[in-house]
Amino acid sequence: MVFTAPSDLSGGLYFLNGKRTTVEAAETFDVIEPRIGKVVAKCPKATAEIVDEYVKVASAAQPGWGETTALDRGKILHKVADLIREHAEEIAVWEVKTNGKPIYEARCDIASSADTFDFFGGIATAVLQGDSLELPGGPSQRIAYTRREPYGVIGCIGAWNYPFQTCVWKVAPALAAGNAVVYKPSPFAPASPVLLGEILTAAGVPEGVYNVIQGEQEAGIALCEHQLVAKMSFTGSVASGEAVQRQAATKNVKPVTLELGGKSELIIFDDSNVKSAVAAAMLANFLNQGQVCTNATRVFVQRGILASFTEAIVQEANEKLKVGDPLLEDTRVGANINEGHLQRIMGYVESAKQEGGVVLRGGVRVHPEGVEGGAYFEPAIITGLTDEAKAVREEIFGAVMLILPFETEEEVVARANNTTYGLAAGVFSGNLARGHRVAARLQAGTVFINTYNDTEVNVPFGGFKNSGHGRENCVDTLRAHTQTKAIYVNVQDTTEHCF
């Protein structure tokens, strides 16, 4: 089969038995293209009965896929990577239409997604081997060995901020380990996982191994509670993650990987290179319209360079952050996901003003030429807040940077850790010893030293505290999509027993 990117959504937003399809359902949701703010399709919401059908298809297809050798599965995943690279520009354009991010960012996401399939396809054979264990009495009498076996059907619920990439992060290790997948995207960004399904089919993934349902809460609950779903993987808010964990234990006990929100910090000491710190702070706050779970909206700056840093970051933002049509090459800030989310971000700006914050730039809605209907926002930089302010405590998930002064290392570490989140953190200092020392004390799953928002497919990604548990990317992720079976073997006949 040859992959051809669709020109529209008329083929349906469900994926079953290797092809795009649709379903009959009484209720629908609007599919909105963030770039223009218009409804481009009506998508049926999956009922519990529809979810049951899709899970059963996946369950029937999984044994054949699971019995395929890890080497052969890896070869197919390498073909997936090749197809993604071959059609990278078409996929990136779809990602812009689905999410509203600038095209230059979307290209990076798609390239990284290809690398993810190559990574898991490449390590599957080595990582999924079991162990042979010698037991008392020696190998001539008793041995044991282990097998890594797939769970069966993995239920995945994805996020809207990186629709294609977060789908890949879940699907690639699940397939590499021999599982089947039923994937439910966010209703805010439903198209990309269907596009991935067509690529998987074209690469040779058997029918039924990867399937996509659509919907809202009812579909998610049905997926979590289904008895044939053996493991859940979720990316989203803390509140939704708590619900997924509860629902996953309702009818049978299943492991859950949770990648949740964050309220991350970037700590900039006064011996830092200000120019480099400014560049990192830009990446830490304004990538993807600020809709990044690792974003460091809390930028702690030591007082010795507070004035110079503040002046430099405002100037950099004014010069670099062009808000506009995300399909244009020079756009650096695209559309927010929808109107409701834009109003939420602006609500945090207003609350910051009410609590004494000073908006140094941005913080207002804008209407770029040609895409006036989209939810566009001029990124904000705010000073003057205390750690008790609502905007400092809660996850904004938007392009709002909060500059917070500090005096000492002890003080800033305590303030940085004073949050229920623990996804990411950053440290900038000319003293690498201090950088490592502070990184070790910060309560976060990922810490960046003299950089920010780096991501590699072979490095663990996940959080501490309420930011979730389990990891995505990395070798451990592949292992976590298998369960270990221990097998004891009696090599020779014996009449000796312990009773």
Protein backbone atom coordinates (compact mmCIF):
# COMPACT_ATOMS: atom_id res chain seq x y z
CA MET A 1 0.00 0.00 0.00
CA VAL A 2 1.20 3.52 -0.83
CA PHE A 3 0.62 6.38 1.60
CA THR A 4 -1.04 9.51 0.27
CA ALA A 5 -1.83 12.38 2.60
CA PRO A 6 -5.54 13.32 2.46
CA SER A 7 -6.66 16.71 1.18
CA ASP A 8 -9.50 17.01 3.70
CA LEU A 9 -11.31 15.16 6.49
CA SER A 10 -14.07 13.69 4.33
CA GLY A 11 -12.72 10.16 4.72
CA GLY A 12 -13.61 10.07 8.39
CA LEU A 13 -11.72 10.48 11.65
CA TYR A 14 -11.91 6.89 12.88
CA PHE A 15 -9.39 4.20 11.98
CA LEU A 16 -10.25 0.51 12.01
CA ASN A 17 -8.77 -2.58 10.36
CA GLY A 18 -6.09 -0.63 8.54
CA LYS A 19 -8.19 2.13 7.01
CA ARG A 20 -9.86 5.46 7.67
CA THR A 21 -13.57 5.18 8.40
CA THR A 22 -16.45 6.75 10.30
CA VAL A 23 -19.20 5.54 12.64
CA GLU A 24 -22.86 6.19 13.27
CA ALA A 25 -23.48 8.00 16.56
CA ALA A 26 -26.21 10.24 17.91
CA GLU A 27 -23.81 12.92 19.19
CA THR A 28 -21.01 14.76 17.41
CA PHE A 29 -18.38 17.34 18.27
CA ASP A 30 -17.10 20.21 16.17
CA VAL A 31 -13.66 19.83 14.61
CA ILE A 32 -12.18 23.34 14.55
CA GLU A 33 -9.10 24.37 12.59
CA PRO A 34 -7.26 26.61 15.09
CA ARG A 35 -5.45 28.55 12.37
CA ILE A 36 -8.71 30.06 11.08
CA GLY A 37 -11.05 29.39 13.99
CA LYS A 38 -13.67 27.68 11.83
CA VAL A 39 -15.53 24.38 12.06
CA VAL A 40 -14.19 22.11 9.32
CA ALA A 41 -16.01 18.88 10.22
CA LYS A 42 -18.50 17.22 12.54
CA CYS A 43 -17.12 14.09 14.18
CA PRO A 44 -19.28 11.39 15.82
CA LYS A 45 -18.60 10.72 19.49
CA ALA A 46 -17.79 7.11 20.26
CA THR A 47 -20.22 5.37 22.57
CA ALA A 48 -19.25 2.54 24.91
CA GLU A 49 -20.53 0.11 22.28
CA ILE A 50 -18.27 1.58 19.59
CA VAL A 51 -15.27 1.48 21.93
CA ASP A 52 -16.07 -2.16 22.68
CA GLU A 53 -16.07 -2.98 18.95
CA TYR A 54 -12.69 -1.31 18.38
CA VAL A 55 -11.06 -2.93 21.41
CA LYS A 56 -12.28 -6.36 20.33
CA VAL A 57 -10.82 -5.84 16.85
CA ALA A 58 -7.48 -4.90 18.44
CA SER A 59 -7.63 -7.88 20.78
CA ALA A 60 -8.22 -10.28 17.88
CA ALA A 61 -5.36 -8.80 15.85
CA GLN A 62 -2.79 -8.63 18.64
CA PRO A 63 -1.75 -12.31 18.98
CA GLY A 64 -0.52 -12.51 15.39
CA TRP A 65 1.42 -9.26 15.75
CA GLY A 66 2.79 -10.31 19.15
CA GLU A 67 4.04 -13.62 17.73
CA THR A 68 6.00 -11.77 15.03
CA THR A 69 9.64 -11.55 16.04
CA ALA A 70 10.91 -8.31 17.51
CA LEU A 71 13.33 -8.13 14.57
CA ASP A 72 10.52 -8.27 12.01
CA ARG A 73 8.41 -5.77 13.94
CA GLY A 74 11.43 -3.50 14.04
CA LYS A 75 11.84 -3.71 10.26
CA ILE A 76 8.26 -2.49 9.82
CA LEU A 77 8.78 0.36 12.28
CA HIS A 78 11.85 1.45 10.30
CA LYS A 79 9.60 1.57 7.22
CA VAL A 80 7.21 3.78 9.19
CA ALA A 81 10.09 6.13 9.95
CA ASP A 82 11.07 6.24 6.29
CA LEU A 83 7.51 7.07 5.21
CA ILE A 84 7.26 9.85 7.78
CA ARG A 85 10.46 11.41 6.45
CA GLU A 86 9.34 10.97 2.85
CA HIS A 87 6.06 12.78 3.54
CA ALA A 88 7.31 15.11 6.28
CA GLU A 89 6.13 18.34 4.67
CA GLU A 90 2.60 17.04 4.03
CA ILE A 91 2.34 15.76 7.59
CA ALA A 92 3.70 19.03 8.99
CA VAL A 93 1.07 21.03 7.12
CA TRP A 94 -1.62 18.78 8.58
CA GLU A 95 -0.14 19.27 12.03
CA VAL A 96 -0.40 23.06 11.58
CA LYS A 97 -4.04 22.72 10.54
CA THR A 98 -4.74 20.39 13.46
CA ASN A 99 -2.94 22.37 16.17
CA GLY A 100 -2.17 25.91 14.98
CA LYS A 101 1.59 25.80 15.68
CA PRO A 102 4.06 27.46 13.27
CA ILE A 103 5.14 25.31 10.34
CA TYR A 104 8.82 25.46 11.33
CA GLU A 105 7.98 23.87 14.69
CA ALA A 106 5.74 21.25 13.10
CA ARG A 107 8.62 20.14 10.85
CA CYS A 108 10.78 19.54 13.94
CA ASP A 109 8.01 17.48 15.57
CA ILE A 110 7.62 15.28 12.50
CA ALA A 111 11.37 14.71 12.18
CA SER A 112 11.54 13.71 15.83
CA SER A 113 8.60 11.34 15.33
CA ALA A 114 10.48 9.51 12.58
CA ASP A 115 13.46 9.18 14.92
CA THR A 116 11.18 7.68 17.58
CA PHE A 117 10.08 4.86 15.31
CA ASP A 118 13.68 4.21 14.29
CA PHE A 119 14.77 4.15 17.94
CA PHE A 120 12.19 1.66 19.16
CA GLY A 121 12.42 -0.42 16.01
CA GLY A 122 16.18 -0.59 16.47
CA ILE A 123 16.31 -1.59 20.13
CA ALA A 124 13.40 -4.03 20.23
CA THR A 125 15.39 -7.20 19.53
CA ALA A 126 18.01 -6.53 22.19
CA VAL A 127 15.78 -5.09 24.90
CA LEU A 128 12.97 -7.65 24.68
CA GLN A 129 15.20 -10.69 25.21
CA GLY A 130 14.67 -12.61 28.41
CA ASP A 131 17.28 -13.86 30.87
CA SER A 132 18.58 -17.37 31.57
CA LEU A 133 19.17 -18.00 35.27
CA GLU A 134 21.19 -20.73 36.97
CA LEU A 135 19.56 -22.17 40.10
CA PRO A 136 20.98 -24.12 43.06
CA GLY A 137 21.99 -27.56 41.89
CA GLY A 138 23.49 -26.27 38.67
CA PRO A 139 22.22 -26.17 35.09
CA SER A 140 22.26 -29.97 34.85
CA GLN A 141 19.34 -30.15 37.29
CA ARG A 142 17.31 -26.89 37.41
CA ILE A 143 17.20 -23.68 35.43
CA ALA A 144 14.86 -20.75 35.06
CA TYR A 145 14.40 -18.27 32.27
CA THR A 146 12.28 -15.21 31.68
CA ARG A 147 10.22 -13.99 28.77
CA ARG A 148 9.10 -10.45 28.01
CA GLU A 149 5.59 -10.68 26.64
CA PRO A 150 3.27 -7.95 25.36
CA TYR A 151 0.32 -6.92 27.50
CA GLY A 152 -2.17 -7.30 24.67
CA VAL A 153 -4.23 -4.19 23.98
CA ILE A 154 -2.87 -0.83 25.11
CA GLY A 155 -5.39 2.00 25.50
CA CYS A 156 -3.93 5.43 24.79
CA ILE A 157 -5.40 8.89 25.33
CA GLY A 158 -3.41 11.68 23.74
CA ALA A 159 -2.98 15.43 24.03
CA TRP A 160 -3.77 18.28 21.64
CA ASN A 161 -0.58 20.33 21.95
CA TYR A 162 1.63 17.85 20.04
CA PRO A 163 -0.99 15.70 18.28
CA PHE A 164 1.29 13.67 16.02
CA GLN A 165 4.34 13.46 18.26
CA THR A 166 2.57 12.48 21.50
CA CYS A 167 0.70 9.82 19.54
CA VAL A 168 4.00 8.46 18.22
CA TRP A 169 5.54 8.49 21.70
CA LYS A 170 2.83 6.08 22.85
CA VAL A 171 2.31 4.00 19.74
CA ALA A 172 5.93 3.27 18.72
CA PRO A 173 6.98 1.46 21.94
CA ALA A 174 3.60 -0.28 22.23
CA LEU A 175 3.90 -1.72 18.71
CA ALA A 176 7.59 -2.53 19.09
CA ALA A 177 6.74 -4.64 22.13
CA GLY A 178 4.05 -6.57 20.20
CA ASN A 179 0.93 -4.91 21.54
CA ALA A 180 -2.12 -3.65 19.69
CA VAL A 181 -3.33 -0.09 20.29
CA VAL A 182 -6.66 1.69 20.57
CA TYR A 183 -5.92 5.42 20.52
CA LYS A 184 -8.25 8.25 21.51
CA PRO A 185 -7.00 11.72 20.56
CA SER A 186 -8.14 14.95 22.15
CA PRO A 187 -11.32 16.18 20.43
CA PHE A 188 -9.48 19.48 19.99
CA ALA A 189 -6.93 17.82 17.64
CA PRO A 190 -8.37 14.59 16.26
CA ALA A 191 -6.80 14.28 12.78
CA SER A 192 -3.10 13.46 13.24
CA PRO A 193 -3.49 9.96 14.78
CA VAL A 194 -5.63 8.92 11.79
CA LEU A 195 -2.90 10.13 9.46
CA LEU A 196 -0.42 8.01 11.44
CA GLY A 197 -2.71 5.01 11.03
CA GLU A 198 -2.55 5.27 7.26
CA ILE A 199 1.24 5.46 7.44
CA LEU A 200 1.39 2.37 9.66
CA THR A 201 -0.77 0.42 7.23
CA ALA A 202 1.34 1.51 4.27
CA ALA A 203 4.46 0.33 6.12
CA GLY A 204 3.02 -3.13 6.77
CA VAL A 205 1.46 -3.04 10.24
CA PRO A 206 -1.35 -5.65 10.07
CA GLU A 207 -4.99 -4.63 10.03
CA GLY A 208 -6.54 -4.20 13.45
CA VAL A 209 -3.26 -3.71 15.31
CA TYR A 210 -3.70 0.08 15.44
CA ASN A 211 -7.14 1.69 15.73
CA VAL A 212 -8.43 5.19 16.47
CA ILE A 213 -11.64 6.17 18.21
CA GLN A 214 -12.91 9.70 18.75
CA GLY A 215 -14.93 11.38 21.46
CA GLU A 216 -14.93 12.97 24.85
CA GLN A 217 -15.43 11.73 28.39
CA GLU A 218 -17.71 8.79 27.62
CA ALA A 219 -15.25 7.31 25.13
CA GLY A 220 -12.32 7.80 27.48
CA ILE A 221 -14.07 6.13 30.39
CA ALA A 222 -15.14 3.19 28.24
CA LEU A 223 -11.57 2.70 27.05
CA CYS A 224 -10.12 2.89 30.58
CA GLU A 225 -12.67 0.47 32.01
CA HIS A 226 -12.65 -2.10 29.21
CA GLN A 227 -11.56 -5.49 30.50
CA LEU A 228 -9.64 -6.35 27.33
CA VAL A 229 -7.48 -3.23 27.70
CA ALA A 230 -4.45 -4.38 29.68
CA LYS A 231 -2.59 -1.06 30.11
CA MET A 232 -3.41 2.65 29.78
CA SER A 233 -1.18 5.53 28.71
CA PHE A 234 -2.45 9.08 29.15
CA THR A 235 -1.14 12.58 28.47
CA GLY A 236 -3.10 15.57 29.75
CA SER A 237 -4.08 17.53 32.83
CA VAL A 238 -3.63 16.39 36.43
CA ALA A 239 -7.38 16.24 37.03
CA SER A 240 -7.93 14.07 33.97
CA GLY A 241 -4.95 11.89 34.88
CA GLU A 242 -6.41 11.24 38.33
CA ALA A 243 -9.67 10.20 36.68
CA VAL A 244 -7.89 7.87 34.24
CA GLN A 245 -6.03 6.19 37.10
CA ARG A 246 -9.27 5.61 39.01
CA GLN A 247 -11.14 4.34 35.97
CA ALA A 248 -8.30 1.98 35.02
CA ALA A 249 -8.87 0.10 38.29
CA THR A 250 -12.66 -0.02 38.07
CA LYS A 251 -13.24 -3.41 36.41
CA ASN A 252 -9.75 -4.88 36.34
CA VAL A 253 -6.36 -3.72 37.59
CA LYS A 254 -4.18 -2.32 34.84
CA PRO A 255 -0.92 -0.31 34.94
CA VAL A 256 -1.13 3.33 33.89
CA THR A 257 1.49 5.69 32.49
CA LEU A 258 0.62 9.32 33.24
CA GLU A 259 2.34 12.33 31.66
CA LEU A 260 0.60 15.27 33.25
CA GLY A 261 0.97 19.02 33.68
CA GLY A 262 3.71 21.18 35.08
CA LYS A 263 4.57 24.49 36.66
CA SER A 264 8.23 24.42 35.85
CA GLU A 265 10.97 26.86 36.79
CA LEU A 266 14.04 28.30 35.12
CA ILE A 267 16.59 29.52 37.68
CA ILE A 268 19.08 32.07 36.36
CA PHE A 269 22.05 32.89 38.61
CA ASP A 270 23.89 36.19 38.29
CA ASP A 271 27.05 34.53 36.91
CA SER A 272 25.09 33.38 33.82
CA ASN A 273 25.67 34.52 30.29
CA VAL A 274 22.65 36.82 29.95
CA LYS A 275 22.35 36.37 26.19
CA SER A 276 22.25 32.58 26.53
CA ALA A 277 19.82 32.76 29.45
CA VAL A 278 17.49 34.97 27.42
CA ALA A 279 17.54 32.48 24.53
CA ALA A 280 16.69 29.62 26.92
CA ALA A 281 13.92 31.62 28.58
CA MET A 282 12.38 32.24 25.15
CA LEU A 283 12.38 28.49 24.44
CA ALA A 284 11.08 27.80 27.93
CA ASN A 285 8.01 29.99 27.49
CA PHE A 286 7.03 30.74 23.92
CA LEU A 287 7.48 27.51 21.98
CA ASN A 288 4.17 26.21 20.60
CA GLN A 289 2.32 29.34 21.83
CA GLY A 290 3.37 28.36 25.36
CA GLN A 291 1.23 25.23 25.13
CA VAL A 292 4.00 22.94 26.38
CA CYS A 293 3.76 20.92 29.59
CA THR A 294 7.44 21.51 30.45
CA ASN A 295 7.27 25.29 30.00
CA ALA A 296 9.08 27.26 32.71
CA THR A 297 6.66 30.11 33.26
CA ARG A 298 8.39 30.79 36.59
CA VAL A 299 11.65 32.47 35.60
CA PHE A 300 13.65 33.09 38.78
CA VAL A 301 16.39 35.69 38.19
CA GLN A 302 19.05 36.57 40.75
CA ARG A 303 18.94 40.28 41.58
CA GLY A 304 22.44 40.99 40.34
CA ILE A 305 21.31 40.62 36.71
CA LEU A 306 17.57 41.22 37.12
CA ALA A 307 17.54 44.58 35.34
CA SER A 308 19.79 43.55 32.44
CA PHE A 309 17.97 40.26 31.93
CA THR A 310 14.55 41.91 32.01
CA GLU A 311 15.55 44.55 29.49
CA ALA A 312 17.13 41.95 27.20
CA ILE A 313 14.21 39.49 27.29
CA VAL A 314 11.65 42.18 26.47
CA GLN A 315 13.78 43.38 23.56
CA GLU A 316 14.25 39.82 22.28
CA ALA A 317 10.53 39.11 22.50
CA ASN A 318 9.67 42.32 20.67
CA GLU A 319 12.11 41.50 17.88
CA LYS A 320 11.52 37.76 17.47
CA LEU A 321 7.95 36.86 18.40
CA LYS A 322 6.03 37.52 15.21
CA VAL A 323 2.41 36.42 15.64
CA GLY A 324 0.76 35.37 12.39
CA ASP A 325 -0.51 32.72 10.03
CA PRO A 326 1.28 29.54 11.16
CA LEU A 327 1.70 28.36 7.58
CA LEU A 328 3.98 31.32 6.83
CA GLU A 329 7.72 30.71 7.15
CA ASP A 330 8.47 33.81 9.24
CA THR A 331 5.72 33.24 11.82
CA ARG A 332 7.05 32.36 15.26
CA VAL A 333 3.78 32.39 17.26
CA GLY A 334 0.74 30.67 15.79
CA ALA A 335 -2.82 30.17 16.98
CA ASN A 336 -3.90 28.88 20.36
CA ILE A 337 -5.89 25.66 20.21
CA ASN A 338 -9.31 27.31 20.55
CA GLU A 339 -11.25 30.30 21.82
CA GLY A 340 -11.91 28.83 25.24
CA HIS A 341 -8.24 28.24 25.88
CA LEU A 342 -7.35 31.76 24.76
CA GLN A 343 -9.84 33.20 27.22
CA ARG A 344 -8.32 31.05 29.98
CA ILE A 345 -4.84 32.44 29.26
CA MET A 346 -6.11 36.00 29.20
CA GLY A 347 -7.86 35.34 32.50
CA TYR A 348 -4.48 34.58 34.08
CA VAL A 349 -3.09 37.84 32.71
CA GLU A 350 -5.98 39.74 34.28
CA SER A 351 -5.56 37.95 37.61
CA ALA A 352 -1.86 38.85 37.55
CA LYS A 353 -2.72 42.52 37.07
CA GLN A 354 -5.17 42.38 39.97
CA GLU A 355 -2.49 40.87 42.22
CA GLY A 356 0.07 43.57 41.49
CA GLY A 357 1.69 42.26 38.32
CA VAL A 358 3.11 44.61 35.71
CA VAL A 359 2.74 43.53 32.08
CA LEU A 360 5.95 44.58 30.32
CA ARG A 361 4.76 43.47 26.89
CA GLY A 362 1.94 41.53 25.26
CA GLY A 363 -0.91 39.92 27.12
CA VAL A 364 -3.58 40.91 24.58
CA ARG A 365 -5.49 39.26 21.77
CA VAL A 366 -4.37 39.99 18.22
CA HIS A 367 -5.91 39.39 14.78
CA PRO A 368 -3.24 38.62 12.16
CA GLU A 369 -4.12 39.45 8.59
CA GLY A 370 -5.76 36.61 6.70
CA VAL A 371 -6.43 34.44 9.78
CA GLU A 372 -8.44 36.88 11.87
CA GLY A 373 -10.80 34.19 13.14
CA GLY A 374 -8.14 32.24 15.01
CA ALA A 375 -7.35 32.50 18.72
CA TYR A 376 -4.12 34.54 18.54
CA PHE A 377 -2.36 36.01 21.57
CA GLU A 378 0.59 38.37 21.94
CA PRO A 379 3.01 36.59 24.33
CA ALA A 380 3.22 38.29 27.71
CA ILE A 381 6.09 39.07 30.08
CA ILE A 382 4.99 39.97 33.61
CA THR A 383 6.88 41.12 36.71
CA GLY A 384 5.88 42.22 40.19
CA LEU A 385 4.15 39.06 41.43
CA THR A 386 4.73 37.08 44.60
CA ASP A 387 4.85 33.29 44.80
CA GLU A 388 1.30 33.32 46.18
CA ALA A 389 -0.21 34.85 43.03
CA LYS A 390 -2.62 32.65 41.08
CA ALA A 391 -0.58 32.92 37.88
CA VAL A 392 2.55 31.78 39.73
CA ARG A 393 0.87 28.80 41.40
CA GLU A 394 -1.30 27.38 38.63
CA GLU A 395 -0.45 25.96 35.22
CA ILE A 396 -1.29 28.58 32.58
CA PHE A 397 -0.41 26.53 29.49
CA GLY A 398 0.04 29.65 27.46
CA ALA A 399 2.67 32.18 26.38
CA VAL A 400 2.97 34.02 29.71
CA MET A 401 6.41 34.48 31.29
CA LEU A 402 6.62 35.47 34.95
CA ILE A 403 9.91 37.03 36.11
CA LEU A 404 10.53 36.44 39.82
CA PRO A 405 13.62 37.88 41.59
CA PHE A 406 15.63 35.91 44.17
CA GLU A 407 18.65 36.45 46.42
CA THR A 408 20.28 33.14 47.38
CA GLU A 409 20.60 29.55 46.19
CA GLU A 410 18.92 28.13 49.28
CA GLU A 411 15.98 30.49 48.88
CA VAL A 412 15.38 29.79 45.20
CA VAL A 413 15.59 26.00 45.53
CA ALA A 414 12.97 26.08 48.29
CA ARG A 415 10.70 28.35 46.25
CA ALA A 416 11.14 26.31 43.09
CA ASN A 417 10.17 23.08 44.88
CA ASN A 418 7.15 24.68 46.54
CA THR A 419 4.69 23.28 44.01
CA THR A 420 2.62 20.14 43.58
CA TYR A 421 4.09 19.71 40.09
CA GLY A 422 7.45 18.23 39.17
CA LEU A 423 7.78 17.81 35.43
CA ALA A 424 10.79 19.93 34.48
CA ALA A 425 13.21 22.59 35.71
CA GLY A 426 16.16 24.57 34.42
CA VAL A 427 19.34 26.02 35.92
CA PHE A 428 21.57 28.66 34.34
CA SER A 429 24.98 29.37 35.89
CA GLY A 430 28.57 29.91 34.83
CA ASN A 431 29.51 27.57 37.69
CA LEU A 432 28.81 24.00 36.55
CA ALA A 433 29.37 22.64 40.05
CA ARG A 434 26.48 24.79 41.23
CA GLY A 435 24.45 23.75 38.21
CA HIS A 436 24.81 20.07 39.09
CA ARG A 437 24.25 20.73 42.80
CA VAL A 438 21.01 22.60 42.21
CA ALA A 439 19.82 20.12 39.60
CA ALA A 440 20.18 17.31 42.13
CA ARG A 441 17.98 19.20 44.62
CA LEU A 442 15.18 20.17 42.26
CA GLN A 443 12.12 17.92 42.41
CA ALA A 444 11.54 17.35 38.72
CA GLY A 445 11.68 14.49 36.23
CA THR A 446 13.85 16.47 33.81
CA VAL A 447 16.36 19.20 34.65
CA PHE A 448 18.12 21.31 32.03
CA ILE A 449 21.49 22.92 32.81
CA ASN A 450 22.37 25.94 30.64
CA THR A 451 19.69 24.96 28.11
CA TYR A 452 15.95 24.34 28.08
CA ASN A 453 13.30 22.18 26.36
CA ASP A 454 15.80 19.78 24.81
CA THR A 455 14.20 16.46 23.84
CA GLU A 456 15.82 13.28 22.54
CA VAL A 457 14.14 9.96 21.80
CA ASN A 458 16.57 7.94 23.95
CA VAL A 459 16.26 10.11 27.08
CA PRO A 460 13.51 9.39 29.66
CA PHE A 461 10.64 11.89 29.79
CA GLY A 462 8.19 12.10 32.68
CA GLY A 463 7.44 13.76 35.97
CA PHE A 464 7.67 13.71 39.73
CA LYS A 465 4.79 14.41 42.14
CA ASN A 466 1.50 15.35 40.47
CA SER A 467 3.19 15.59 37.07
CA GLY A 468 2.71 11.86 36.68
CA HIS A 469 4.58 8.56 36.76
CA GLY A 470 6.13 6.24 34.24
CA ARG A 471 8.36 7.44 31.43
CA GLU A 472 8.10 8.00 27.70
CA ASN A 473 10.96 7.61 25.21
CA CYS A 474 14.02 5.58 26.36
CA VAL A 475 14.72 1.89 26.87
CA ASP A 476 12.63 1.68 30.06
CA THR A 477 9.55 2.73 28.10
CA LEU A 478 9.85 -0.30 25.84
CA ARG A 479 10.25 -2.61 28.81
CA ALA A 480 7.20 -1.01 30.46
CA HIS A 481 5.07 -2.15 27.52
CA THR A 482 5.82 -5.79 28.38
CA GLN A 483 5.19 -8.04 31.33
CA THR A 484 7.81 -10.47 32.58
CA LYS A 485 7.07 -14.17 32.83
CA ALA A 486 9.38 -16.46 34.86
CA ILE A 487 9.64 -20.11 33.78
CA TYR A 488 11.22 -22.85 35.94
CA VAL A 489 12.56 -25.97 34.24
CA ASN A 490 13.41 -29.28 35.88
CA VAL A 491 16.14 -30.65 33.61
CA GLN A 492 16.22 -34.24 34.85
CA ASP A 493 13.85 -36.59 36.60
CA THR A 494 14.08 -36.58 40.37
CA THR A 495 12.25 -38.19 43.24
CA GLU A 496 13.55 -35.71 45.82
CA HIS A 497 11.07 -33.23 47.23
CA CYS A 498 10.94 -30.98 50.25
CA PHE A 499 8.17 -33.03 51.82
